[in-house]
Amino acid sequence: DRLKDRPDGKLILVTAINPTPAGEGKTTTTVGL
């Protein structure tokens, strides 16, 4: 609640192409980035 007047940073979205059943590492890329 004490943060509400601070400016915002930049928001980066990580998404993916249609995956195979095993997944393509979207979360891995999010963490890596």
PDB file of all heavy atoms in Angstrom:
ATOM      1  N   ASP A   1       0.827  -1.208   0.000  1.00  0.00           N
ATOM      2  CA  ASP A   1       0.000   0.000   0.000  1.00  0.00           C
ATOM      3  C   ASP A   1       0.864   1.262   0.000  1.00  0.00           C
ATOM      4  O   ASP A   1       0.489   2.283  -0.585  1.00  0.00           O
ATOM      5  CB  ASP A   1      -0.929  -0.012   1.215  1.00  0.00           C
ATOM      6  CG  ASP A   1      -1.919   1.143   1.183  1.00  0.00           C
ATOM      7  OD1 ASP A   1      -2.684   1.228   0.203  1.00  0.00           O
ATOM      8  OD2 ASP A   1      -1.921   1.963   2.122  1.00  0.00           O
ATOM      9  N   ARG A   2       2.050   1.197   0.623  1.00  0.00           N
ATOM     10  CA  ARG A   2       2.930   2.367   0.687  1.00  0.00           C
ATOM     11  C   ARG A   2       3.635   2.648  -0.640  1.00  0.00           C
ATOM     12  O   ARG A   2       4.299   3.688  -0.777  1.00  0.00           O
ATOM     13  CB  ARG A   2       3.975   2.170   1.801  1.00  0.00           C
ATOM     14  CG  ARG A   2       3.378   2.095   3.203  1.00  0.00           C
ATOM     15  CD  ARG A   2       4.431   2.280   4.274  1.00  0.00           C
ATOM     16  NE  ARG A   2       5.413   1.216   4.309  1.00  0.00           N
ATOM     17  CZ  ARG A   2       5.291   0.083   5.008  1.00  0.00           C
ATOM     18  NH1 ARG A   2       4.169  -0.136   5.722  1.00  0.00           N
ATOM     19  NH2 ARG A   2       6.246  -0.830   5.002  1.00  0.00           N
ATOM     20  N   LEU A   3       3.506   1.762  -1.613  1.00  0.00           N
ATOM     21  CA  LEU A   3       4.192   1.939  -2.891  1.00  0.00           C
ATOM     22  C   LEU A   3       3.374   2.695  -3.930  1.00  0.00           C
ATOM     23  O   LEU A   3       3.875   3.016  -5.008  1.00  0.00           O
ATOM     24  CB  LEU A   3       4.545   0.556  -3.489  1.00  0.00           C
ATOM     25  CG  LEU A   3       5.440  -0.371  -2.674  1.00  0.00           C
ATOM     26  CD1 LEU A   3       5.547  -1.721  -3.382  1.00  0.00           C
ATOM     27  CD2 LEU A   3       6.817   0.227  -2.451  1.00  0.00           C
ATOM     28  N   LYS A   4       2.109   2.991  -3.632  1.00  0.00           N
ATOM     29  CA  LYS A   4       1.162   3.424  -4.668  1.00  0.00           C
ATOM     30  C   LYS A   4       1.567   4.695  -5.406  1.00  0.00           C
ATOM     31  O   LYS A   4       1.170   4.894  -6.565  1.00  0.00           O
ATOM     32  CB  LYS A   4      -0.232   3.587  -4.072  1.00  0.00           C
ATOM     33  CG  LYS A   4      -0.316   4.576  -2.920  1.00  0.00           C
ATOM     34  CD  LYS A   4      -1.700   4.549  -2.299  1.00  0.00           C
ATOM     35  CE  LYS A   4      -1.786   5.468  -1.091  1.00  0.00           C
ATOM     36  NZ  LYS A   4      -3.118   5.372  -0.426  1.00  0.00           N
ATOM     37  N   ASP A   5       2.354   5.555  -4.799  1.00  0.00           N
ATOM     38  CA  ASP A   5       2.723   6.814  -5.460  1.00  0.00           C
ATOM     39  C   ASP A   5       4.029   6.725  -6.249  1.00  0.00           C
ATOM     40  O   ASP A   5       4.456   7.697  -6.873  1.00  0.00           O
ATOM     41  CB  ASP A   5       2.828   7.936  -4.423  1.00  0.00           C
ATOM     42  CG  ASP A   5       1.474   8.262  -3.799  1.00  0.00           C
ATOM     43  OD1 ASP A   5       0.458   8.132  -4.505  1.00  0.00           O
ATOM     44  OD2 ASP A   5       1.445   8.637  -2.607  1.00  0.00           O
ATOM     45  N   ARG A   6       4.666   5.571  -6.236  1.00  0.00           N
ATOM     46  CA  ARG A   6       5.913   5.413  -6.993  1.00  0.00           C
ATOM     47  C   ARG A   6       5.619   5.255  -8.486  1.00  0.00           C
ATOM     48  O   ARG A   6       4.582   4.726  -8.874  1.00  0.00           O
ATOM     49  CB  ARG A   6       6.674   4.175  -6.515  1.00  0.00           C
ATOM     50  CG  ARG A   6       7.295   4.298  -5.140  1.00  0.00           C
ATOM     51  CD  ARG A   6       8.256   3.141  -4.926  1.00  0.00           C
ATOM     52  NE  ARG A   6       8.781   3.096  -3.568  1.00  0.00           N
ATOM     53  CZ  ARG A   6       9.671   2.206  -3.153  1.00  0.00           C
ATOM     54  NH1 ARG A   6      10.124   1.277  -3.987  1.00  0.00           N
ATOM     55  NH2 ARG A   6      10.096   2.220  -1.901  1.00  0.00           N
ATOM     56  N   PRO A   7       6.549   5.673  -9.344  1.00  0.00           N
ATOM     57  CA  PRO A   7       6.361   5.453 -10.796  1.00  0.00           C
ATOM     58  C   PRO A   7       6.515   3.978 -11.143  1.00  0.00           C
ATOM     59  O   PRO A   7       7.153   3.212 -10.405  1.00  0.00           O
ATOM     60  CB  PRO A   7       7.473   6.292 -11.423  1.00  0.00           C
ATOM     61  CG  PRO A   7       8.529   6.382 -10.357  1.00  0.00           C
ATOM     62  CD  PRO A   7       7.799   6.418  -9.040  1.00  0.00           C
ATOM     63  N   ASP A   8       5.938   3.571 -12.263  1.00  0.00           N
ATOM     64  CA  ASP A   8       6.014   2.188 -12.711  1.00  0.00           C
ATOM     65  C   ASP A   8       7.219   1.966 -13.615  1.00  0.00           C
ATOM     66  O   ASP A   8       7.633   2.856 -14.374  1.00  0.00           O
ATOM     67  CB  ASP A   8       4.755   1.797 -13.488  1.00  0.00           C
ATOM     68  CG  ASP A   8       3.537   1.659 -12.592  1.00  0.00           C
ATOM     69  OD1 ASP A   8       3.718   1.471 -11.376  1.00  0.00           O
ATOM     70  OD2 ASP A   8       2.409   1.733 -13.108  1.00  0.00           O
ATOM     71  N   GLY A   9       7.754   0.752 -13.563  1.00  0.00           N
ATOM     72  CA  GLY A   9       8.779   0.339 -14.508  1.00  0.00           C
ATOM     73  C   GLY A   9       8.145  -0.118 -15.814  1.00  0.00           C
ATOM     74  O   GLY A   9       6.952   0.077 -16.055  1.00  0.00           O
ATOM     75  N   LYS A  10       8.937  -0.742 -16.660  1.00  0.00           N
ATOM     76  CA  LYS A  10       8.481  -1.241 -17.958  1.00  0.00           C
ATOM     77  C   LYS A  10       7.996  -2.689 -17.808  1.00  0.00           C
ATOM     78  O   LYS A  10       8.641  -3.501 -17.143  1.00  0.00           O
ATOM     79  CB  LYS A  10       9.610  -1.195 -18.985  1.00  0.00           C
ATOM     80  CG  LYS A  10      10.185   0.209 -19.220  1.00  0.00           C
ATOM     81  CD  LYS A  10       9.309   1.016 -20.144  1.00  0.00           C
ATOM     82  CE  LYS A  10       9.994   2.317 -20.533  1.00  0.00           C
ATOM     83  NZ  LYS A  10       9.172   3.133 -21.455  1.00  0.00           N
ATOM     84  N   LEU A  11       6.870  -3.002 -18.474  1.00  0.00           N
ATOM     85  CA  LEU A  11       6.291  -4.336 -18.395  1.00  0.00           C
ATOM     86  C   LEU A  11       6.606  -5.111 -19.672  1.00  0.00           C
ATOM     87  O   LEU A  11       6.247  -4.685 -20.769  1.00  0.00           O
ATOM     88  CB  LEU A  11       4.779  -4.238 -18.185  1.00  0.00           C
ATOM     89  CG  LEU A  11       3.998  -5.546 -18.039  1.00  0.00           C
ATOM     90  CD1 LEU A  11       4.510  -6.369 -16.859  1.00  0.00           C
ATOM     91  CD2 LEU A  11       2.512  -5.259 -17.876  1.00  0.00           C
ATOM     92  N   ILE A  12       7.267  -6.261 -19.523  1.00  0.00           N
ATOM     93  CA  ILE A  12       7.660  -7.109 -20.646  1.00  0.00           C
ATOM     94  C   ILE A  12       6.884  -8.423 -20.560  1.00  0.00           C
ATOM     95  O   ILE A  12       6.932  -9.111 -19.541  1.00  0.00           O
ATOM     96  CB  ILE A  12       9.174  -7.425 -20.625  1.00  0.00           C
ATOM     97  CG1 ILE A  12       9.997  -6.152 -20.371  1.00  0.00           C
ATOM     98  CG2 ILE A  12       9.577  -8.150 -21.904  1.00  0.00           C
ATOM     99  CD1 ILE A  12       9.830  -5.080 -21.401  1.00  0.00           C
ATOM    100  N   LEU A  13       6.181  -8.782 -21.627  1.00  0.00           N
ATOM    101  CA  LEU A  13       5.433 -10.036 -21.669  1.00  0.00           C
ATOM    102  C   LEU A  13       6.227 -11.090 -22.427  1.00  0.00           C
ATOM    103  O   LEU A  13       6.752 -10.831 -23.508  1.00  0.00           O
ATOM    104  CB  LEU A  13       4.081  -9.839 -22.355  1.00  0.00           C
ATOM    105  CG  LEU A  13       3.284 -11.127 -22.616  1.00  0.00           C
ATOM    106  CD1 LEU A  13       2.817 -11.741 -21.311  1.00  0.00           C
ATOM    107  CD2 LEU A  13       2.114 -10.874 -23.543  1.00  0.00           C
ATOM    108  N   VAL A  14       6.284 -12.297 -21.853  1.00  0.00           N
ATOM    109  CA  VAL A  14       6.862 -13.455 -22.544  1.00  0.00           C
ATOM    110  C   VAL A  14       5.723 -14.410 -22.891  1.00  0.00           C
ATOM    111  O   VAL A  14       4.978 -14.847 -22.019  1.00  0.00           O
ATOM    112  CB  VAL A  14       7.911 -14.169 -21.677  1.00  0.00           C
ATOM    113  CG1 VAL A  14       8.443 -15.411 -22.399  1.00  0.00           C
ATOM    114  CG2 VAL A  14       9.059 -13.224 -21.335  1.00  0.00           C
ATOM    115  N   THR A  15       5.574 -14.686 -24.168  1.00  0.00           N
ATOM    116  CA  THR A  15       4.557 -15.625 -24.649  1.00  0.00           C
ATOM    117  C   THR A  15       5.241 -16.602 -25.601  1.00  0.00           C
ATOM    118  O   THR A  15       6.467 -16.678 -25.644  1.00  0.00           O
ATOM    119  CB  THR A  15       3.386 -14.871 -25.299  1.00  0.00           C
ATOM    120  OG1 THR A  15       2.346 -15.783 -25.645  1.00  0.00           O
ATOM    121  CG2 THR A  15       3.827 -14.106 -26.527  1.00  0.00           C
ATOM    122  N   ALA A  16       4.459 -17.388 -26.361  1.00  0.00           N
ATOM    123  CA  ALA A  16       5.086 -18.439 -27.162  1.00  0.00           C
ATOM    124  C   ALA A  16       4.245 -18.779 -28.380  1.00  0.00           C
ATOM    125  O   ALA A  16       3.087 -18.385 -28.494  1.00  0.00           O
ATOM    126  CB  ALA A  16       5.287 -19.697 -26.306  1.00  0.00           C
ATOM    127  N   ILE A  17       4.863 -19.545 -29.302  1.00  0.00           N
ATOM    128  CA  ILE A  17       4.116 -20.140 -30.392  1.00  0.00           C
ATOM    129  C   ILE A  17       3.313 -21.311 -29.822  1.00  0.00           C
ATOM    130  O   ILE A  17       3.443 -21.648 -28.647  1.00  0.00           O
ATOM    131  CB  ILE A  17       5.045 -20.605 -31.529  1.00  0.00           C
ATOM    132  CG1 ILE A  17       5.988 -21.719 -31.048  1.00  0.00           C
ATOM    133  CG2 ILE A  17       5.842 -19.430 -32.081  1.00  0.00           C
ATOM    134  CD1 ILE A  17       6.792 -22.362 -32.171  1.00  0.00           C
ATOM    135  N   ASN A  18       2.477 -21.954 -30.646  1.00  0.00           N
ATOM    136  CA  ASN A  18       1.731 -23.114 -30.157  1.00  0.00           C
ATOM    137  C   ASN A  18       2.700 -24.218 -29.756  1.00  0.00           C
ATOM    138  O   ASN A  18       3.572 -24.605 -30.546  1.00  0.00           O
ATOM    139  CB  ASN A  18       0.765 -23.626 -31.219  1.00  0.00           C
ATOM    140  CG  ASN A  18      -0.393 -22.675 -31.423  1.00  0.00           C
ATOM    141  OD1 ASN A  18      -0.434 -21.939 -32.400  1.00  0.00           O
ATOM    142  ND2 ASN A  18      -1.328 -22.663 -30.496  1.00  0.00           N
ATOM    143  N   PRO A  19       2.577 -24.734 -28.547  1.00  0.00           N
ATOM    144  CA  PRO A  19       3.596 -25.635 -28.007  1.00  0.00           C
ATOM    145  C   PRO A  19       3.393 -27.091 -28.394  1.00  0.00           C
ATOM    146  O   PRO A  19       2.325 -27.492 -28.851  1.00  0.00           O
ATOM    147  CB  PRO A  19       3.415 -25.468 -26.493  1.00  0.00           C
ATOM    148  CG  PRO A  19       1.938 -25.215 -26.342  1.00  0.00           C
ATOM    149  CD  PRO A  19       1.551 -24.383 -27.549  1.00  0.00           C
ATOM    150  N   THR A  20       4.434 -27.884 -28.183  1.00  0.00           N
ATOM    151  CA  THR A  20       4.318 -29.331 -28.181  1.00  0.00           C
ATOM    152  C   THR A  20       3.843 -29.744 -26.792  1.00  0.00           C
ATOM    153  O   THR A  20       3.858 -28.923 -25.860  1.00  0.00           O
ATOM    154  CB  THR A  20       5.669 -29.994 -28.476  1.00  0.00           C
ATOM    155  OG1 THR A  20       6.583 -29.638 -27.428  1.00  0.00           O
ATOM    156  CG2 THR A  20       6.231 -29.522 -29.808  1.00  0.00           C
ATOM    157  N   PRO A  21       3.430 -30.999 -26.593  1.00  0.00           N
ATOM    158  CA  PRO A  21       2.948 -31.404 -25.269  1.00  0.00           C
ATOM    159  C   PRO A  21       3.943 -31.182 -24.128  1.00  0.00           C
ATOM    160  O   PRO A  21       3.545 -30.999 -22.988  1.00  0.00           O
ATOM    161  CB  PRO A  21       2.650 -32.901 -25.455  1.00  0.00           C
ATOM    162  CG  PRO A  21       2.273 -33.013 -26.893  1.00  0.00           C
ATOM    163  CD  PRO A  21       3.177 -32.041 -27.603  1.00  0.00           C
ATOM    164  N   ALA A  22       5.238 -31.166 -24.428  1.00  0.00           N
ATOM    165  CA  ALA A  22       6.242 -30.985 -23.374  1.00  0.00           C
ATOM    166  C   ALA A  22       6.476 -29.525 -23.013  1.00  0.00           C
ATOM    167  O   ALA A  22       7.170 -29.221 -22.046  1.00  0.00           O
ATOM    168  CB  ALA A  22       7.559 -31.624 -23.791  1.00  0.00           C
ATOM    169  N   GLY A  23       5.908 -28.587 -23.787  1.00  0.00           N
ATOM    170  CA  GLY A  23       6.145 -27.169 -23.526  1.00  0.00           C
ATOM    171  C   GLY A  23       7.441 -26.706 -24.180  1.00  0.00           C
ATOM    172  O   GLY A  23       8.335 -27.505 -24.440  1.00  0.00           O
ATOM    173  N   GLU A  24       7.547 -25.407 -24.415  1.00  0.00           N
ATOM    174  CA  GLU A  24       8.687 -24.877 -25.160  1.00  0.00           C
ATOM    175  C   GLU A  24       9.624 -24.009 -24.325  1.00  0.00           C
ATOM    176  O   GLU A  24      10.498 -23.351 -24.865  1.00  0.00           O
ATOM    177  CB  GLU A  24       8.182 -24.085 -26.372  1.00  0.00           C
ATOM    178  CG  GLU A  24       7.262 -24.869 -27.280  1.00  0.00           C
ATOM    179  CD  GLU A  24       7.741 -26.304 -27.532  1.00  0.00           C
ATOM    180  OE1 GLU A  24       8.913 -26.495 -27.922  1.00  0.00           O
ATOM    181  OE2 GLU A  24       6.957 -27.243 -27.310  1.00  0.00           O
ATOM    182  N   GLY A  25       9.445 -23.976 -23.011  1.00  0.00           N
ATOM    183  CA  GLY A  25      10.381 -23.233 -22.176  1.00  0.00           C
ATOM    184  C   GLY A  25      10.035 -21.777 -21.997  1.00  0.00           C
ATOM    185  O   GLY A  25      10.911 -20.931 -21.860  1.00  0.00           O
ATOM    186  N   LYS A  26       8.748 -21.477 -21.964  1.00  0.00           N
ATOM    187  CA  LYS A  26       8.322 -20.077 -21.792  1.00  0.00           C
ATOM    188  C   LYS A  26       8.692 -19.565 -20.406  1.00  0.00           C
ATOM    189  O   LYS A  26       9.231 -18.459 -20.276  1.00  0.00           O
ATOM    190  CB  LYS A  26       6.813 -19.977 -22.022  1.00  0.00           C
ATOM    191  CG  LYS A  26       6.231 -18.592 -21.882  1.00  0.00           C
ATOM    192  CD  LYS A  26       4.836 -18.517 -22.427  1.00  0.00           C
ATOM    193  CE  LYS A  26       4.003 -19.733 -22.083  1.00  0.00           C
ATOM    194  NZ  LYS A  26       3.920 -20.043 -20.637  1.00  0.00           N
ATOM    195  N   THR A  27       8.425 -20.357 -19.372  1.00  0.00           N
ATOM    196  CA  THR A  27       8.807 -19.946 -18.022  1.00  0.00           C
ATOM    197  C   THR A  27      10.321 -19.886 -17.895  1.00  0.00           C
ATOM    198  O   THR A  27      10.874 -18.962 -17.276  1.00  0.00           O
ATOM    199  CB  THR A  27       8.218 -20.909 -16.977  1.00  0.00           C
ATOM    200  OG1 THR A  27       6.802 -20.962 -17.128  1.00  0.00           O
ATOM    201  CG2 THR A  27       8.550 -20.439 -15.569  1.00  0.00           C
ATOM    202  N   THR A  28      11.015 -20.849 -18.489  1.00  0.00           N
ATOM    203  CA  THR A  28      12.476 -20.848 -18.468  1.00  0.00           C
ATOM    204  C   THR A  28      13.021 -19.567 -19.101  1.00  0.00           C
ATOM    205  O   THR A  28      13.961 -18.950 -18.590  1.00  0.00           O
ATOM    206  CB  THR A  28      13.008 -22.087 -19.214  1.00  0.00           C
ATOM    207  OG1 THR A  28      12.437 -23.262 -18.637  1.00  0.00           O
ATOM    208  CG2 THR A  28      14.518 -22.174 -19.140  1.00  0.00           C
ATOM    209  N   THR A  29      12.419 -19.154 -20.217  1.00  0.00           N
ATOM    210  CA  THR A  29      12.852 -17.921 -20.887  1.00  0.00           C
ATOM    211  C   THR A  29      12.522 -16.694 -20.051  1.00  0.00           C
ATOM    212  O   THR A  29      13.311 -15.734 -19.997  1.00  0.00           O
ATOM    213  CB  THR A  29      12.205 -17.822 -22.271  1.00  0.00           C
ATOM    214  OG1 THR A  29      12.527 -18.992 -23.031  1.00  0.00           O
ATOM    215  CG2 THR A  29      12.678 -16.580 -23.016  1.00  0.00           C
ATOM    216  N   THR A  30      11.371 -16.709 -19.387  1.00  0.00           N
ATOM    217  CA  THR A  30      11.005 -15.594 -18.506  1.00  0.00           C
ATOM    218  C   THR A  30      12.039 -15.418 -17.406  1.00  0.00           C
ATOM    219  O   THR A  30      12.518 -14.308 -17.133  1.00  0.00           O
ATOM    220  CB  THR A  30       9.612 -15.837 -17.896  1.00  0.00           C
ATOM    221  OG1 THR A  30       8.650 -15.981 -18.941  1.00  0.00           O
ATOM    222  CG2 THR A  30       9.202 -14.693 -16.979  1.00  0.00           C
ATOM    223  N   VAL A  31      12.392 -16.529 -16.764  1.00  0.00           N
ATOM    224  CA  VAL A  31      13.389 -16.479 -15.686  1.00  0.00           C
ATOM    225  C   VAL A  31      14.746 -16.070 -16.248  1.00  0.00           C
ATOM    226  O   VAL A  31      15.442 -15.214 -15.677  1.00  0.00           O
ATOM    227  CB  VAL A  31      13.473 -17.841 -14.969  1.00  0.00           C
ATOM    228  CG1 VAL A  31      14.576 -17.829 -13.912  1.00  0.00           C
ATOM    229  CG2 VAL A  31      12.138 -18.198 -14.323  1.00  0.00           C
ATOM    230  N   GLY A  32      15.130 -16.680 -17.371  1.00  0.00           N
ATOM    231  CA  GLY A  32      16.426 -16.351 -17.967  1.00  0.00           C
ATOM    232  C   GLY A  32      16.535 -14.889 -18.357  1.00  0.00           C
ATOM    233  O   GLY A  32      17.561 -14.243 -18.130  1.00  0.00           O
ATOM    234  N   LEU A  33      15.452 -14.331 -18.933  1.00  0.00           N
ATOM    235  CA  LEU A  33      15.478 -12.924 -19.335  1.00  0.00           C
ATOM    236  C   LEU A  33      15.580 -12.012 -18.118  1.00  0.00           C
ATOM    237  O   LEU A  33      16.310 -11.002 -18.152  1.00  0.00           O
ATOM    238  CB  LEU A  33      14.230 -12.592 -20.149  1.00  0.00           C
ATOM    239  CG  LEU A  33      14.091 -11.140 -20.614  1.00  0.00           C
ATOM    240  CD1 LEU A  33      15.297 -10.695 -21.433  1.00  0.00           C
ATOM    241  CD2 LEU A  33      12.805 -10.957 -21.416  1.00  0.00           C
TER     242      LEU A  33
END
